[in-house]
C-alpha atoms as a PDB file:
ATOM      1  CA  UNK A   1      73.027  97.923  89.638  1.00  0.00           C
ATOM      2  CA  UNK A   2      71.078 100.385  91.629  1.00  0.00           C
ATOM      3  CA  UNK A   3      72.597 103.383  93.138  1.00  0.00           C
ATOM      4  CA  UNK A   4      69.866 104.273  95.704  1.00  0.00           C
ATOM      5  CA  UNK A   5      71.551 103.482  98.754  1.00  0.00           C
ATOM      6  CA  UNK A   6      74.670 104.661 100.327  1.00  0.00           C
ATOM      7  CA  UNK A   7      76.695 101.506 100.371  1.00  0.00           C
ATOM      8  CA  UNK A   8      76.152 101.068  96.595  1.00  0.00           C
ATOM      9  CA  UNK A   9      77.264 104.670  96.082  1.00  0.00           C
ATOM     10  CA  UNK A  10      80.446 104.398  98.132  1.00  0.00           C
ATOM     11  CA  UNK A  11      81.398 101.165  96.166  1.00  0.00           C
ATOM     12  CA  UNK A  12      80.644 102.842  92.817  1.00  0.00           C
ATOM     13  CA  UNK A  13      82.918 105.675  93.823  1.00  0.00           C
ATOM     14  CA  UNK A  14      85.696 103.426  95.190  1.00  0.00           C
ATOM     15  CA  UNK A  15      85.630 101.299  92.076  1.00  0.00           C
ATOM     16  CA  UNK A  16      85.978 104.293  90.043  1.00  0.00           C
ATOM     17  CA  UNK A  17      88.937 105.246  91.868  1.00  0.00           C
ATOM     18  CA  UNK A  18      90.638 101.961  91.908  1.00  0.00           C
ATOM     19  CA  UNK A  19      89.672 101.176  88.207  1.00  0.00           C
ATOM     20  CA  UNK A  20      91.147 104.451  87.005  1.00  0.00           C
ATOM     21  CA  UNK A  21      94.359 104.036  89.254  1.00  0.00           C
ATOM     22  CA  UNK A  22      94.875 100.657  87.788  1.00  0.00           C
ATOM     23  CA  UNK A  23      94.554 101.656  84.077  1.00  0.00           C
ATOM     24  CA  UNK A  24      96.905 104.824  84.798  1.00  0.00           C
ATOM     25  CA  UNK A  25      99.550 102.293  86.217  1.00  0.00           C
ATOM     26  CA  UNK A  26      98.949 100.018  83.314  1.00  0.00           C
ATOM     27  CA  UNK A  27      99.561 102.710  80.917  1.00  0.00           C
ATOM     28  CA  UNK A  28     102.886 103.790  82.492  1.00  0.00           C
ATOM     29  CA  UNK A  29     102.306 106.567  84.890  1.00  0.00           C
ATOM     30  CA  UNK A  30     105.494 107.771  86.202  1.00  0.00           C
ATOM     31  CA  UNK A  31     104.747 106.669  89.749  1.00  0.00           C
ATOM     32  CA  UNK A  32     101.951 105.527  91.857  1.00  0.00           C
ATOM     33  CA  UNK A  33     101.218 108.795  93.251  1.00  0.00           C
ATOM     34  CA  UNK A  34     100.629 110.138  89.737  1.00  0.00           C
ATOM     35  CA  UNK A  35      98.311 107.247  89.030  1.00  0.00           C
ATOM     36  CA  UNK A  36      96.457 108.019  92.038  1.00  0.00           C
ATOM     37  CA  UNK A  37      95.973 111.552  91.016  1.00  0.00           C
ATOM     38  CA  UNK A  38      94.074 110.241  88.174  1.00  0.00           C
ATOM     39  CA  UNK A  39      92.132 107.938  90.394  1.00  0.00           C
ATOM     40  CA  UNK A  40      91.210 111.010  92.466  1.00  0.00           C
ATOM     41  CA  UNK A  41      89.576 112.854  89.488  1.00  0.00           C
ATOM     42  CA  UNK A  42      87.644 109.922  88.747  1.00  0.00           C
ATOM     43  CA  UNK A  43      86.420 109.642  92.362  1.00  0.00           C
ATOM     44  CA  UNK A  44      85.330 113.201  92.144  1.00  0.00           C
ATOM     45  CA  UNK A  45      83.640 112.567  88.787  1.00  0.00           C
ATOM     46  CA  UNK A  46      81.717 109.729  90.114  1.00  0.00           C
ATOM     47  CA  UNK A  47      80.760 111.790  93.091  1.00  0.00           C
ATOM     48  CA  UNK A  48      79.475 114.639  91.095  1.00  0.00           C
ATOM     49  CA  UNK A  49      77.703 112.129  88.930  1.00  0.00           C
ATOM     50  CA  UNK A  50      75.717 110.809  91.863  1.00  0.00           C
ATOM     51  CA  UNK A  51      74.960 114.496  93.103  1.00  0.00           C
ATOM     52  CA  UNK A  52      73.749 115.524  89.781  1.00  0.00           C
ATOM     53  CA  UNK A  53      71.825 112.590  88.988  1.00  0.00           C
ATOM     54  CA  UNK A  54      69.094 113.184  91.611  1.00  0.00           C
END
């Protein structure tokens, strides 16, 4: 998948958030807020990857 255009970049970041949140829920996070915190960290990491990649 090419991450040259902004829709692909946005999809990459949203997917990182969703997948990480679902993994945290599956592994037994205390509540959805805690799971979404891990998702938010993954979103930020994906964002930084896209910035540094250039």
